[in-house]
N, C-alpha and C. Protein backbone atom coordinates (compact mmCIF):
# COMPACT_ATOMS: atom_id res chain seq x y z
N UNK A 1 -5.47 -20.28 -4.46
CA UNK A 1 -5.88 -21.00 -5.63
C UNK A 1 -5.00 -20.68 -6.83
N UNK A 2 -4.85 -19.38 -7.12
CA UNK A 2 -4.06 -18.98 -8.29
C UNK A 2 -2.59 -19.29 -8.08
N UNK A 3 -2.12 -19.27 -6.84
CA UNK A 3 -0.72 -19.60 -6.58
C UNK A 3 -0.42 -21.03 -7.01
N UNK A 4 -1.35 -21.91 -6.72
CA UNK A 4 -1.16 -23.31 -7.08
C UNK A 4 -1.26 -23.49 -8.60
N UNK A 5 -2.29 -22.89 -9.20
CA UNK A 5 -2.50 -23.05 -10.63
C UNK A 5 -1.33 -22.50 -11.45
N UNK A 6 -0.79 -21.36 -11.02
CA UNK A 6 0.31 -20.75 -11.75
C UNK A 6 1.68 -21.14 -11.21
N UNK A 7 1.69 -21.85 -10.09
CA UNK A 7 2.94 -22.24 -9.44
C UNK A 7 3.83 -21.01 -9.22
N UNK A 8 3.24 -19.98 -8.57
CA UNK A 8 3.93 -18.72 -8.37
C UNK A 8 3.54 -18.13 -7.02
N UNK A 9 4.50 -17.51 -6.33
CA UNK A 9 4.20 -16.82 -5.08
C UNK A 9 3.44 -15.52 -5.33
N UNK A 10 3.55 -14.99 -6.54
CA UNK A 10 2.93 -13.70 -6.88
C UNK A 10 2.05 -13.86 -8.11
N UNK A 11 0.92 -14.53 -7.99
CA UNK A 11 0.11 -14.83 -9.17
C UNK A 11 -0.52 -13.60 -9.84
N UNK A 12 -0.73 -12.52 -9.09
CA UNK A 12 -1.34 -11.35 -9.71
C UNK A 12 -0.34 -10.54 -10.52
N UNK A 13 0.92 -10.88 -10.44
CA UNK A 13 1.93 -10.19 -11.22
C UNK A 13 2.52 -11.11 -12.29
N UNK A 14 1.90 -12.22 -12.55
CA UNK A 14 2.42 -13.21 -13.48
C UNK A 14 2.23 -12.76 -14.92
N UNK A 15 3.26 -12.92 -15.72
CA UNK A 15 3.24 -12.38 -17.09
C UNK A 15 2.24 -13.05 -18.03
N UNK A 16 1.88 -14.29 -17.81
CA UNK A 16 0.97 -14.96 -18.74
C UNK A 16 -0.48 -14.87 -18.27
N UNK A 17 -0.74 -14.16 -17.20
CA UNK A 17 -2.09 -14.03 -16.68
C UNK A 17 -2.58 -12.60 -16.84
N UNK A 18 -3.75 -12.47 -17.44
CA UNK A 18 -4.38 -11.15 -17.57
C UNK A 18 -5.63 -11.17 -16.71
N UNK A 19 -5.74 -10.20 -15.80
CA UNK A 19 -6.87 -10.16 -14.88
C UNK A 19 -7.90 -9.16 -15.40
N UNK A 20 -9.14 -9.56 -15.38
CA UNK A 20 -10.25 -8.75 -15.89
C UNK A 20 -11.36 -8.74 -14.86
N UNK A 21 -12.21 -7.74 -14.92
CA UNK A 21 -13.33 -7.69 -14.00
C UNK A 21 -14.55 -7.10 -14.68
N UNK A 22 -15.71 -7.53 -14.24
CA UNK A 22 -16.96 -6.90 -14.66
C UNK A 22 -17.53 -6.08 -13.50
N UNK A 23 -16.68 -5.81 -12.53
CA UNK A 23 -16.96 -5.07 -11.29
C UNK A 23 -17.75 -5.90 -10.28
N UNK A 24 -18.02 -7.13 -10.60
CA UNK A 24 -18.68 -8.03 -9.66
C UNK A 24 -17.83 -9.27 -9.43
N UNK A 25 -17.17 -9.71 -10.48
CA UNK A 25 -16.34 -10.90 -10.41
C UNK A 25 -14.97 -10.60 -11.01
N UNK A 26 -13.99 -11.42 -10.66
CA UNK A 26 -12.64 -11.28 -11.22
C UNK A 26 -12.37 -12.52 -12.06
N UNK A 27 -11.89 -12.27 -13.28
CA UNK A 27 -11.57 -13.35 -14.20
C UNK A 27 -10.07 -13.32 -14.47
N UNK A 28 -9.54 -14.46 -14.84
CA UNK A 28 -8.15 -14.53 -15.26
C UNK A 28 -8.11 -15.21 -16.63
N UNK A 29 -7.34 -14.60 -17.53
CA UNK A 29 -7.12 -15.21 -18.83
C UNK A 29 -5.68 -15.68 -18.84
N UNK A 30 -5.50 -16.97 -18.97
CA UNK A 30 -4.17 -17.57 -18.97
C UNK A 30 -3.79 -17.96 -20.39
N UNK A 31 -2.58 -17.60 -20.76
CA UNK A 31 -2.06 -17.98 -22.07
C UNK A 31 -0.83 -18.86 -21.85
N UNK A 32 -0.96 -20.09 -22.26
CA UNK A 32 0.15 -21.04 -22.12
C UNK A 32 0.25 -21.89 -23.37
N UNK A 33 1.45 -22.10 -23.83
CA UNK A 33 1.71 -22.98 -24.97
C UNK A 33 0.80 -22.68 -26.16
N UNK A 34 0.60 -21.39 -26.42
CA UNK A 34 -0.20 -21.00 -27.57
C UNK A 34 -1.70 -21.11 -27.37
N UNK A 35 -2.15 -21.59 -26.23
CA UNK A 35 -3.58 -21.72 -25.94
C UNK A 35 -3.93 -20.78 -24.80
N UNK A 36 -5.18 -20.30 -24.80
CA UNK A 36 -5.59 -19.46 -23.69
C UNK A 36 -7.01 -19.85 -23.27
N UNK A 37 -7.28 -19.64 -22.00
CA UNK A 37 -8.64 -19.83 -21.50
C UNK A 37 -8.91 -18.78 -20.43
N UNK A 38 -10.17 -18.50 -20.22
CA UNK A 38 -10.56 -17.50 -19.23
C UNK A 38 -11.49 -18.16 -18.23
N UNK A 39 -11.26 -17.87 -16.95
CA UNK A 39 -12.10 -18.45 -15.91
C UNK A 39 -12.29 -17.45 -14.78
N UNK A 40 -13.37 -17.63 -14.04
CA UNK A 40 -13.60 -16.80 -12.87
C UNK A 40 -12.68 -17.33 -11.77
N UNK A 41 -12.05 -16.42 -11.03
CA UNK A 41 -11.05 -16.83 -10.05
C UNK A 41 -11.66 -17.66 -8.92
N UNK A 42 -12.72 -17.18 -8.30
CA UNK A 42 -13.24 -17.89 -7.13
C UNK A 42 -13.93 -19.20 -7.48
N UNK A 43 -14.74 -19.20 -8.52
CA UNK A 43 -15.49 -20.40 -8.85
C UNK A 43 -14.78 -21.32 -9.82
N UNK A 44 -13.69 -20.83 -10.42
CA UNK A 44 -12.94 -21.58 -11.43
C UNK A 44 -13.81 -21.99 -12.61
N UNK A 45 -14.94 -21.30 -12.79
CA UNK A 45 -15.84 -21.57 -13.90
C UNK A 45 -15.22 -21.02 -15.19
N UNK A 46 -15.07 -21.85 -16.20
CA UNK A 46 -14.57 -21.37 -17.48
C UNK A 46 -15.62 -20.47 -18.11
N UNK A 47 -15.17 -19.42 -18.77
CA UNK A 47 -16.06 -18.45 -19.39
C UNK A 47 -15.77 -18.35 -20.88
N UNK A 48 -16.78 -17.94 -21.65
CA UNK A 48 -16.60 -17.67 -23.07
C UNK A 48 -16.32 -16.18 -23.22
N UNK A 49 -15.10 -15.84 -23.57
CA UNK A 49 -14.67 -14.45 -23.62
C UNK A 49 -15.57 -13.60 -24.50
N UNK A 50 -15.95 -14.10 -25.67
CA UNK A 50 -16.78 -13.32 -26.59
C UNK A 50 -18.08 -12.87 -25.94
N UNK A 51 -18.60 -13.67 -25.03
CA UNK A 51 -19.86 -13.35 -24.38
C UNK A 51 -19.69 -12.34 -23.25
N UNK A 52 -18.62 -12.44 -22.47
CA UNK A 52 -18.45 -11.53 -21.32
C UNK A 52 -17.65 -10.27 -21.65
N UNK A 53 -17.05 -10.20 -22.84
CA UNK A 53 -16.17 -9.08 -23.18
C UNK A 53 -16.83 -7.71 -23.00
N UNK A 54 -18.07 -7.55 -23.40
CA UNK A 54 -18.73 -6.26 -23.32
C UNK A 54 -18.92 -5.78 -21.87
N UNK A 55 -19.00 -6.71 -20.92
CA UNK A 55 -19.22 -6.31 -19.53
C UNK A 55 -17.93 -6.09 -18.75
N UNK A 56 -16.79 -6.36 -19.35
CA UNK A 56 -15.52 -6.22 -18.64
C UNK A 56 -15.12 -4.76 -18.50
N UNK A 57 -14.52 -4.45 -17.36
CA UNK A 57 -14.02 -3.10 -17.11
C UNK A 57 -12.81 -2.85 -18.00
N UNK A 58 -12.79 -1.70 -18.62
CA UNK A 58 -11.68 -1.31 -19.49
C UNK A 58 -10.81 -0.29 -18.77
N UNK A 59 -9.73 0.08 -19.39
CA UNK A 59 -8.92 1.18 -18.87
C UNK A 59 -7.75 0.79 -17.99
N UNK A 60 -7.38 -0.49 -17.93
CA UNK A 60 -6.22 -0.88 -17.14
C UNK A 60 -4.96 -0.59 -17.95
N UNK A 61 -4.01 0.10 -17.33
CA UNK A 61 -2.74 0.42 -17.99
C UNK A 61 -1.67 -0.45 -17.37
N UNK A 62 -0.93 -1.15 -18.22
CA UNK A 62 0.12 -2.06 -17.77
C UNK A 62 1.49 -1.46 -18.00
N UNK A 63 2.42 -1.80 -17.12
CA UNK A 63 3.80 -1.40 -17.29
C UNK A 63 4.36 -2.20 -18.47
N UNK A 64 4.90 -1.55 -19.49
CA UNK A 64 5.37 -2.28 -20.66
C UNK A 64 6.55 -3.21 -20.40
N UNK A 65 7.32 -2.94 -19.36
CA UNK A 65 8.47 -3.79 -19.07
C UNK A 65 8.11 -4.98 -18.21
N UNK A 66 7.29 -4.76 -17.19
CA UNK A 66 6.97 -5.83 -16.24
C UNK A 66 5.65 -6.52 -16.54
N UNK A 67 4.81 -5.91 -17.36
CA UNK A 67 3.47 -6.43 -17.68
C UNK A 67 2.56 -6.49 -16.46
N UNK A 68 2.90 -5.74 -15.41
CA UNK A 68 2.09 -5.68 -14.20
C UNK A 68 1.16 -4.46 -14.32
N UNK A 69 -0.07 -4.60 -13.85
CA UNK A 69 -1.02 -3.49 -13.89
C UNK A 69 -0.46 -2.32 -13.09
N UNK A 70 -0.49 -1.14 -13.69
CA UNK A 70 0.06 0.05 -13.05
C UNK A 70 -1.04 1.02 -12.63
N UNK A 71 -2.02 1.22 -13.49
CA UNK A 71 -3.12 2.15 -13.21
C UNK A 71 -4.40 1.61 -13.82
N UNK A 72 -5.50 2.11 -13.30
CA UNK A 72 -6.80 1.78 -13.87
C UNK A 72 -7.60 3.05 -13.99
N UNK A 73 -8.11 3.31 -15.15
CA UNK A 73 -9.02 4.43 -15.37
C UNK A 73 -10.42 3.82 -15.42
N UNK A 74 -11.18 3.91 -14.31
CA UNK A 74 -12.45 3.18 -14.22
C UNK A 74 -13.50 3.59 -15.24
N UNK A 75 -13.51 4.83 -15.67
CA UNK A 75 -14.47 5.31 -16.66
C UNK A 75 -13.72 6.15 -17.70
N UNK A 76 -12.94 5.51 -18.58
CA UNK A 76 -12.08 6.27 -19.49
C UNK A 76 -12.82 7.20 -20.45
N UNK A 77 -14.03 6.85 -20.81
CA UNK A 77 -14.79 7.70 -21.74
C UNK A 77 -15.35 8.93 -21.02
N UNK A 78 -15.90 8.74 -19.85
CA UNK A 78 -16.56 9.84 -19.13
C UNK A 78 -15.61 10.66 -18.26
N UNK A 79 -14.66 9.99 -17.62
CA UNK A 79 -13.76 10.67 -16.66
C UNK A 79 -12.31 10.26 -16.92
N UNK A 80 -11.73 10.73 -18.02
CA UNK A 80 -10.37 10.29 -18.38
C UNK A 80 -9.29 10.75 -17.40
N UNK A 81 -9.58 11.76 -16.58
CA UNK A 81 -8.58 12.26 -15.63
C UNK A 81 -8.59 11.49 -14.31
N UNK A 82 -9.60 10.66 -14.09
CA UNK A 82 -9.72 9.91 -12.84
C UNK A 82 -9.02 8.56 -13.00
N UNK A 83 -8.07 8.28 -12.12
CA UNK A 83 -7.36 7.01 -12.16
C UNK A 83 -7.29 6.39 -10.76
N UNK A 84 -7.13 5.09 -10.74
CA UNK A 84 -6.85 4.35 -9.51
C UNK A 84 -5.43 3.84 -9.67
N UNK A 85 -4.58 4.26 -8.75
CA UNK A 85 -3.16 3.93 -8.84
C UNK A 85 -2.69 3.55 -7.43
N UNK A 86 -2.17 2.35 -7.24
CA UNK A 86 -1.75 1.95 -5.90
C UNK A 86 -0.65 2.82 -5.30
N UNK A 87 0.02 3.61 -6.12
CA UNK A 87 1.08 4.48 -5.61
C UNK A 87 0.56 5.82 -5.09
N UNK A 88 -0.74 6.08 -5.28
CA UNK A 88 -1.32 7.36 -4.85
C UNK A 88 -2.58 7.11 -4.03
N UNK A 89 -2.68 7.80 -2.93
CA UNK A 89 -3.87 7.78 -2.07
C UNK A 89 -4.30 6.35 -1.70
N UNK A 90 -3.33 5.48 -1.50
CA UNK A 90 -3.60 4.09 -1.10
C UNK A 90 -4.57 3.39 -2.04
N UNK A 91 -4.49 3.73 -3.33
CA UNK A 91 -5.32 3.07 -4.34
C UNK A 91 -6.73 3.61 -4.47
N UNK A 92 -7.02 4.73 -3.81
CA UNK A 92 -8.33 5.36 -3.97
C UNK A 92 -8.32 6.17 -5.27
N UNK A 93 -9.49 6.41 -5.86
CA UNK A 93 -9.52 7.21 -7.10
C UNK A 93 -8.96 8.62 -6.87
N UNK A 94 -8.09 9.04 -7.80
CA UNK A 94 -7.49 10.36 -7.76
C UNK A 94 -7.68 11.04 -9.11
N UNK A 95 -7.45 12.35 -9.13
CA UNK A 95 -7.66 13.10 -10.37
C UNK A 95 -6.53 14.08 -10.59
N UNK A 96 -6.22 14.32 -11.86
CA UNK A 96 -5.27 15.36 -12.24
C UNK A 96 -3.82 15.01 -11.99
N UNK A 97 -2.97 15.95 -12.37
CA UNK A 97 -1.52 15.76 -12.24
C UNK A 97 -1.09 15.71 -10.77
N UNK A 98 -1.83 16.34 -9.89
CA UNK A 98 -1.47 16.35 -8.47
C UNK A 98 -1.99 15.13 -7.74
N UNK A 99 -2.79 14.32 -8.43
CA UNK A 99 -3.33 13.06 -7.86
C UNK A 99 -4.11 13.32 -6.57
N UNK A 100 -5.06 14.23 -6.66
CA UNK A 100 -5.90 14.58 -5.51
C UNK A 100 -7.04 13.57 -5.42
N UNK A 101 -7.31 13.00 -4.26
CA UNK A 101 -8.41 12.05 -4.13
C UNK A 101 -9.74 12.68 -4.56
N UNK A 102 -10.48 11.95 -5.37
CA UNK A 102 -11.77 12.47 -5.85
C UNK A 102 -12.73 12.71 -4.70
N UNK A 103 -12.65 11.88 -3.68
CA UNK A 103 -13.55 12.05 -2.53
C UNK A 103 -13.27 13.36 -1.78
N UNK A 104 -12.00 13.77 -1.70
CA UNK A 104 -11.65 15.02 -1.03
C UNK A 104 -12.18 16.22 -1.81
N UNK A 105 -12.05 16.17 -3.12
CA UNK A 105 -12.58 17.27 -3.94
C UNK A 105 -14.10 17.32 -3.86
N UNK A 106 -14.72 16.18 -3.82
CA UNK A 106 -16.18 16.13 -3.72
C UNK A 106 -16.66 16.72 -2.38
N UNK A 107 -16.01 16.33 -1.31
CA UNK A 107 -16.39 16.87 0.02
C UNK A 107 -16.18 18.38 0.06
N UNK A 108 -15.09 18.85 -0.51
CA UNK A 108 -14.83 20.29 -0.55
C UNK A 108 -15.89 21.00 -1.40
N UNK A 109 -16.26 20.41 -2.50
CA UNK A 109 -17.28 20.98 -3.38
C UNK A 109 -18.61 21.12 -2.64
N UNK A 110 -18.97 20.08 -1.88
CA UNK A 110 -20.21 20.16 -1.09
C UNK A 110 -20.10 21.25 -0.02
N UNK A 111 -18.96 21.32 0.65
CA UNK A 111 -18.75 22.30 1.72
C UNK A 111 -18.76 23.73 1.17
N UNK A 112 -18.33 23.91 -0.07
CA UNK A 112 -18.28 25.24 -0.68
C UNK A 112 -19.55 25.55 -1.46
N UNK A 113 -20.60 24.79 -1.22
CA UNK A 113 -21.89 25.07 -1.86
C UNK A 113 -21.89 24.85 -3.36
N UNK A 114 -21.05 23.94 -3.84
CA UNK A 114 -21.02 23.64 -5.27
C UNK A 114 -20.20 24.61 -6.10
N UNK A 115 -19.35 25.40 -5.45
CA UNK A 115 -18.53 26.38 -6.15
C UNK A 115 -17.25 25.70 -6.68
N UNK A 116 -17.32 25.27 -7.92
CA UNK A 116 -16.22 24.52 -8.54
C UNK A 116 -14.95 25.35 -8.62
N UNK A 117 -15.06 26.61 -9.00
CA UNK A 117 -13.89 27.49 -9.12
C UNK A 117 -13.20 27.65 -7.77
N UNK A 118 -13.95 27.84 -6.72
CA UNK A 118 -13.38 28.02 -5.37
C UNK A 118 -12.62 26.77 -4.94
N UNK A 119 -13.21 25.60 -5.18
CA UNK A 119 -12.54 24.33 -4.82
C UNK A 119 -11.25 24.17 -5.63
N UNK A 120 -11.30 24.52 -6.90
CA UNK A 120 -10.08 24.44 -7.73
C UNK A 120 -8.99 25.35 -7.17
N UNK A 121 -9.36 26.53 -6.75
CA UNK A 121 -8.38 27.46 -6.16
C UNK A 121 -7.82 26.92 -4.84
N UNK A 122 -8.68 26.40 -3.99
CA UNK A 122 -8.25 25.87 -2.70
C UNK A 122 -7.24 24.74 -2.88
N UNK A 123 -7.53 23.85 -3.80
CA UNK A 123 -6.70 22.66 -4.00
C UNK A 123 -5.60 22.86 -5.06
N UNK A 124 -5.53 24.04 -5.64
CA UNK A 124 -4.57 24.30 -6.71
C UNK A 124 -4.72 23.24 -7.82
N UNK A 125 -5.97 23.05 -8.22
CA UNK A 125 -6.32 22.08 -9.26
C UNK A 125 -7.04 22.81 -10.39
N UNK A 126 -7.21 22.14 -11.50
CA UNK A 126 -7.96 22.75 -12.59
C UNK A 126 -9.46 22.58 -12.33
N UNK A 127 -10.24 23.44 -12.94
CA UNK A 127 -11.70 23.34 -12.82
C UNK A 127 -12.16 22.00 -13.40
N UNK A 128 -11.51 21.57 -14.48
CA UNK A 128 -11.87 20.28 -15.09
C UNK A 128 -11.59 19.12 -14.13
N UNK A 129 -10.48 19.19 -13.38
CA UNK A 129 -10.19 18.17 -12.36
C UNK A 129 -11.34 18.08 -11.36
N UNK A 130 -11.77 19.23 -10.87
CA UNK A 130 -12.84 19.27 -9.87
C UNK A 130 -14.14 18.74 -10.46
N UNK A 131 -14.48 19.18 -11.66
CA UNK A 131 -15.72 18.71 -12.29
C UNK A 131 -15.73 17.20 -12.45
N UNK A 132 -14.62 16.65 -12.97
CA UNK A 132 -14.58 15.21 -13.18
C UNK A 132 -14.62 14.46 -11.85
N UNK A 133 -13.93 14.97 -10.84
CA UNK A 133 -13.94 14.31 -9.53
C UNK A 133 -15.35 14.30 -8.94
N UNK A 134 -16.02 15.44 -9.00
CA UNK A 134 -17.37 15.57 -8.45
C UNK A 134 -18.33 14.66 -9.21
N UNK A 135 -18.30 14.73 -10.53
CA UNK A 135 -19.20 13.89 -11.34
C UNK A 135 -18.93 12.40 -11.12
N UNK A 136 -17.65 12.06 -10.99
CA UNK A 136 -17.29 10.65 -10.74
C UNK A 136 -17.85 10.19 -9.39
N UNK A 137 -17.68 11.00 -8.35
CA UNK A 137 -18.19 10.62 -7.02
C UNK A 137 -19.72 10.55 -7.01
N UNK A 138 -20.38 11.43 -7.71
CA UNK A 138 -21.85 11.38 -7.80
C UNK A 138 -22.27 10.10 -8.51
N UNK A 139 -21.55 9.72 -9.56
CA UNK A 139 -21.85 8.48 -10.28
C UNK A 139 -21.66 7.26 -9.37
N UNK A 140 -20.61 7.29 -8.56
CA UNK A 140 -20.37 6.17 -7.63
C UNK A 140 -21.51 6.02 -6.63
N UNK A 141 -22.03 7.14 -6.18
CA UNK A 141 -23.09 7.12 -5.16
C UNK A 141 -24.43 6.70 -5.73
N UNK A 142 -24.59 6.83 -7.03
CA UNK A 142 -25.89 6.51 -7.67
C UNK A 142 -26.17 5.02 -7.70
């Protein structure tokens, strides 16, 4: 659908299209000839941005040169160290400078009886990395 509308083989990397989500649906905001509109991708239903803005997921980081999405911080206020990056862990949530999958740290934390310091030592990660990964995974499960 988007390939036809944008006349592009790679519509998700198109410079005039901004992709947004409320974690249930995907929207595209197209800017052409000074005008822009936002619509849901699957239903092609036009949306009023002012109304849906509060429910949109924030934290997408774009490459300044290519304007392609590079990373997503799913909960930037609560878990700023947790990112989703297609270049690490096949796009699964990772944490810290070492980009350790949050699910791996969570499983280790459970196996170690909730000993955050021990898990940090095992994985050569910071205690804050482990805490954010564990809290993030618990939030996902809720």
